Amino acid sequence: AQNMATLTMKQTEEVYLEYMDELITHFRSQRHDFLNHMQVVYGFAKIGNLDGILRYLEELNLEADETLSLLQLKHPPMAALLRAKAATATVKQVQFQVSVKASLERLPIRPFELVKVIGNIIDNAFDEEIKAPEQQRYVEVTIEETSPSYIAIHVFNRNSYIPPEQQSLIFRQGYTSKQDHHSGTGLAISKQIVQRYGGKITIWSEPEQGTRFTVTLLANAKGYR
């Protein structure tokens, strides 16, 4: 059991470092791109194309808003994870939205463990969405404070349904439904991690409406130390 725990920690640390590198690369790229953006704006100005300037700046503003939203998390590993998943969503042609309504700085859970839990749930959501037609694929992550003491992270996907009789089974080690080719090992480990910090994972799922996994964690004044 100890060897398994050590292996799991090693794997999650590797994922953590990978996502951190992704975030650092993203910010370096933004700084490098600034001059290019200014040259485009200057080019539009030279030919008197005000509409072109406005459209271009609006697109840049949307990208900046997304980055600022991730910074509000005050949790670089999660920001890196969500940035990486946004890139994955683009490749898989899944519409991916992130809504940040609370910071994660007060969570006592180890950052790389939180990355493992949320990353696994998002990956499962992507696996379900790619079964649907491209124009219908949708995954949304919402982070909010449900009370002064609790933070909830919701992962919603539009095109799946988990019947009530399966909702408890999917957290069992090695459980696999007939429709899925991946095992339930990831969810089983995720549940163990969350429970270790006094939290819980719940499921809401309705036919033709979608599925939402909610990870609720106790927050404190110190956060992770």
Protein backbone atom coordinates (compact mmCIF):
# COMPACT_ATOMS: atom_id res chain seq x y z
CA ALA A 1 0.00 0.00 0.00
CA GLN A 2 2.86 2.34 0.84
CA ASN A 3 4.55 1.62 -2.50
CA MET A 4 1.28 2.39 -4.31
CA ALA A 5 0.92 5.67 -2.40
CA THR A 6 4.52 6.60 -3.26
CA LEU A 7 3.93 5.79 -6.94
CA THR A 8 0.71 7.81 -6.98
CA MET A 9 2.48 10.79 -5.40
CA LYS A 10 5.31 10.54 -7.93
CA GLN A 11 2.86 10.45 -10.84
CA THR A 12 0.86 13.42 -9.57
CA GLU A 13 4.05 15.43 -8.98
CA GLU A 14 5.06 14.77 -12.60
CA VAL A 15 1.66 16.00 -13.81
CA TYR A 16 1.96 19.04 -11.53
CA LEU A 17 5.35 19.99 -13.01
CA GLU A 18 4.08 19.46 -16.54
CA TYR A 19 1.16 21.87 -16.03
CA MET A 20 3.36 24.44 -14.27
CA ASP A 21 5.70 24.41 -17.25
CA GLU A 22 2.67 24.90 -19.51
CA LEU A 23 1.59 28.00 -17.57
CA ILE A 24 5.09 29.53 -17.57
CA THR A 25 5.35 28.95 -21.32
CA HIS A 26 1.97 30.60 -21.82
CA PHE A 27 2.97 33.79 -20.00
CA ARG A 28 6.32 33.97 -21.80
CA SER A 29 4.45 33.61 -25.09
CA GLN A 30 2.06 36.42 -24.16
CA ARG A 31 4.97 38.78 -23.46
CA HIS A 32 6.65 37.81 -26.72
CA ASP A 33 3.41 38.29 -28.67
CA PHE A 34 2.79 41.82 -27.37
CA LEU A 35 5.08 43.42 -29.98
CA ASN A 36 3.42 41.44 -32.75
CA HIS A 37 -0.01 42.62 -31.62
CA MET A 38 1.15 46.25 -31.60
CA GLN A 39 2.52 45.88 -35.12
CA VAL A 40 -0.87 44.59 -36.33
CA VAL A 41 -2.67 47.53 -34.68
CA TYR A 42 -0.14 49.94 -36.22
CA GLY A 43 -0.72 48.36 -39.64
CA PHE A 44 -4.48 48.86 -39.37
CA ALA A 45 -3.93 52.46 -38.23
CA LYS A 46 -1.64 53.23 -41.19
CA ILE A 47 -4.37 52.28 -43.65
CA GLY A 48 -7.11 53.95 -41.60
CA ASN A 49 -8.96 50.72 -40.83
CA LEU A 50 -10.60 51.61 -37.49
CA ASP A 51 -13.04 48.67 -37.65
CA GLY A 52 -10.11 46.27 -38.04
CA ILE A 53 -8.41 47.76 -34.96
CA LEU A 54 -11.57 47.43 -32.87
CA ARG A 55 -12.24 43.83 -33.90
CA TYR A 56 -8.63 42.84 -33.24
CA LEU A 57 -8.56 44.52 -29.81
CA GLU A 58 -11.86 42.85 -28.87
CA GLU A 59 -10.35 39.45 -29.62
CA LEU A 60 -7.26 40.30 -27.58
CA ASN A 61 -9.45 41.48 -24.71
CA LEU A 62 -11.30 38.15 -24.61
CA GLU A 63 -7.99 36.28 -24.39
CA ALA A 64 -6.77 38.63 -21.64
CA ASP A 65 -10.00 38.14 -19.68
CA GLU A 66 -9.49 34.36 -19.73
CA THR A 67 -5.95 34.72 -18.38
CA LEU A 68 -6.98 37.19 -15.67
CA SER A 69 -9.78 34.83 -14.62
CA LEU A 70 -7.25 32.04 -14.05
CA LEU A 71 -5.00 34.38 -12.07
CA GLN A 72 -7.92 35.06 -9.72
CA LEU A 73 -7.63 31.45 -8.60
CA LYS A 74 -4.43 32.40 -6.71
CA HIS A 75 -3.39 28.81 -7.34
CA PRO A 76 -0.77 28.50 -10.12
CA PRO A 77 -1.02 24.69 -10.47
CA MET A 78 -4.80 24.80 -11.06
CA ALA A 79 -4.41 27.76 -13.40
CA ALA A 80 -1.84 25.75 -15.34
CA LEU A 81 -4.11 22.71 -15.43
CA LEU A 82 -7.07 24.68 -16.78
CA ARG A 83 -4.90 26.42 -19.38
CA ALA A 84 -3.62 23.02 -20.54
CA LYS A 85 -7.14 21.56 -20.64
CA ALA A 86 -8.32 24.54 -22.71
CA ALA A 87 -5.64 23.66 -25.26
CA THR A 88 -6.73 20.00 -25.18
CA ALA A 89 -10.35 21.06 -25.71
CA THR A 90 -9.35 22.99 -28.82
CA VAL A 91 -7.68 19.90 -30.26
CA LYS A 92 -10.69 17.72 -29.42
CA GLN A 93 -13.06 20.41 -30.73
CA VAL A 94 -14.91 20.68 -27.43
CA GLN A 95 -16.26 24.04 -26.27
CA PHE A 96 -14.59 24.62 -22.89
CA GLN A 97 -15.66 27.32 -20.44
CA VAL A 98 -14.17 28.26 -17.07
CA SER A 99 -15.98 30.41 -14.52
CA VAL A 100 -13.91 31.54 -11.52
CA LYS A 101 -15.98 32.93 -8.65
CA ALA A 102 -13.60 32.12 -5.79
CA SER A 103 -9.89 31.70 -5.17
CA LEU A 104 -8.37 28.40 -4.07
CA GLU A 105 -5.67 29.80 -1.79
CA ARG A 106 -7.46 28.62 1.38
CA LEU A 107 -7.60 24.95 0.37
CA PRO A 108 -5.38 22.72 2.55
CA ILE A 109 -5.14 19.98 -0.10
CA ARG A 110 -1.71 19.52 -1.68
CA PRO A 111 -1.67 21.34 -5.03
CA PHE A 112 -0.54 18.33 -7.05
CA GLU A 113 -3.30 16.21 -5.51
CA LEU A 114 -5.95 18.78 -6.44
CA VAL A 115 -4.54 18.83 -9.98
CA LYS A 116 -4.81 15.03 -10.15
CA VAL A 117 -8.43 15.00 -8.95
CA ILE A 118 -9.76 17.79 -11.17
CA GLY A 119 -7.65 16.77 -14.16
CA ASN A 120 -9.07 13.24 -14.02
CA ILE A 121 -12.67 14.47 -13.88
CA ILE A 122 -12.14 16.88 -16.79
CA ASP A 123 -10.51 14.13 -18.85
CA ASN A 124 -13.53 11.89 -18.24
CA ALA A 125 -15.82 14.73 -19.33
CA PHE A 126 -13.82 15.14 -22.55
CA ASP A 127 -14.03 11.39 -23.17
CA GLU A 128 -17.81 11.61 -23.04
CA GLU A 129 -18.09 14.75 -25.17
CA ILE A 130 -16.05 13.48 -28.10
CA LYS A 131 -18.75 10.84 -28.61
CA ALA A 132 -21.17 13.66 -29.54
CA PRO A 133 -21.27 15.70 -32.76
CA GLU A 134 -18.68 18.49 -32.75
CA GLN A 135 -21.17 21.37 -32.57
CA GLN A 136 -22.77 19.89 -29.42
CA ARG A 137 -19.64 19.23 -27.37
CA TYR A 138 -19.47 21.29 -24.19
CA VAL A 139 -17.58 21.15 -20.89
CA GLU A 140 -17.73 23.79 -18.17
CA VAL A 141 -15.69 24.21 -14.99
CA THR A 142 -17.08 26.45 -12.25
CA ILE A 143 -15.24 27.33 -9.06
CA GLU A 144 -17.25 28.95 -6.29
CA GLU A 145 -17.48 29.44 -2.55
CA THR A 146 -20.59 27.62 -1.32
CA SER A 147 -20.18 28.91 2.24
CA PRO A 148 -17.43 30.70 4.20
CA SER A 149 -15.93 27.28 4.95
CA TYR A 150 -16.34 25.38 1.68
CA ILE A 151 -15.14 25.68 -1.91
CA ALA A 152 -16.85 23.74 -4.69
CA ILE A 153 -15.36 22.86 -8.07
CA HIS A 154 -17.99 21.75 -10.59
CA VAL A 155 -17.18 19.96 -13.84
CA PHE A 156 -20.19 19.77 -16.16
CA ASN A 157 -20.45 18.03 -19.51
CA ARG A 158 -23.52 18.21 -21.70
CA ASN A 159 -23.60 14.84 -23.44
CA SER A 160 -23.58 12.07 -20.87
CA TYR A 161 -25.92 10.42 -18.41
CA ILE A 162 -25.00 8.26 -15.41
CA PRO A 163 -27.99 6.31 -14.05
CA PRO A 164 -28.47 6.44 -10.24
CA GLU A 165 -27.55 2.75 -9.87
CA GLN A 166 -24.13 3.44 -11.44
CA GLN A 167 -23.28 6.63 -9.58
CA SER A 168 -21.88 4.88 -6.51
CA LEU A 169 -20.28 2.07 -8.51
CA ILE A 170 -18.04 4.34 -10.61
CA PHE A 171 -15.95 5.20 -7.54
CA ARG A 172 -15.03 1.57 -6.99
CA GLN A 173 -11.49 0.53 -7.84
CA GLY A 174 -11.38 -0.91 -11.35
CA TYR A 175 -15.06 -0.39 -12.16
CA THR A 176 -15.77 -0.12 -15.88
CA SER A 177 -19.15 0.44 -17.52
CA LYS A 178 -19.98 -1.26 -20.81
CA GLN A 179 -19.98 2.09 -22.57
CA ASP A 180 -16.55 3.19 -21.37
CA HIS A 181 -13.14 1.78 -22.16
CA HIS A 182 -11.34 3.41 -19.23
CA SER A 183 -11.48 1.97 -15.73
CA GLY A 184 -12.75 3.68 -12.60
CA THR A 185 -9.30 3.66 -11.02
CA GLY A 186 -8.88 7.41 -11.48
CA LEU A 187 -12.19 8.26 -9.80
CA ALA A 188 -11.53 5.81 -6.97
CA ILE A 189 -8.20 7.48 -6.19
CA SER A 190 -9.75 10.93 -6.58
CA LYS A 191 -12.41 10.09 -4.03
CA GLN A 192 -9.80 8.81 -1.57
CA ILE A 193 -7.76 12.00 -1.94
CA VAL A 194 -10.77 14.28 -1.44
CA GLN A 195 -12.04 12.34 1.59
CA ARG A 196 -8.59 12.55 3.18
CA TYR A 197 -9.11 16.32 3.39
CA GLY A 198 -12.65 16.10 4.73
CA GLY A 199 -14.24 16.73 1.34
CA LYS A 200 -16.62 14.85 -0.94
CA ILE A 201 -17.38 14.22 -4.61
CA THR A 202 -21.03 14.26 -5.65
CA ILE A 203 -22.75 13.58 -8.97
CA TRP A 204 -25.78 15.16 -10.61
CA SER A 205 -26.90 13.59 -13.88
CA GLU A 206 -30.08 13.79 -15.93
CA PRO A 207 -30.96 12.31 -19.34
CA GLU A 208 -30.53 14.80 -22.19
CA GLN A 209 -29.29 17.45 -19.72
CA GLY A 210 -25.81 16.25 -18.86
CA THR A 211 -23.64 15.32 -15.90
CA ARG A 212 -21.98 17.40 -13.21
CA PHE A 213 -19.26 16.21 -10.84
CA THR A 214 -18.83 18.48 -7.82
CA VAL A 215 -15.74 18.37 -5.63
CA THR A 216 -16.42 20.13 -2.32
CA LEU A 217 -13.47 20.87 -0.05
CA LEU A 218 -13.15 22.45 3.36
CA ALA A 219 -11.27 25.76 3.27
CA ASN A 220 -9.31 27.28 6.14
CA ALA A 221 -7.43 30.46 6.88
CA LYS A 222 -3.98 28.94 6.30
CA GLY A 223 -4.52 27.01 3.08
CA TYR A 224 -1.81 24.53 2.06
CA ARG A 225 1.48 24.86 3.92
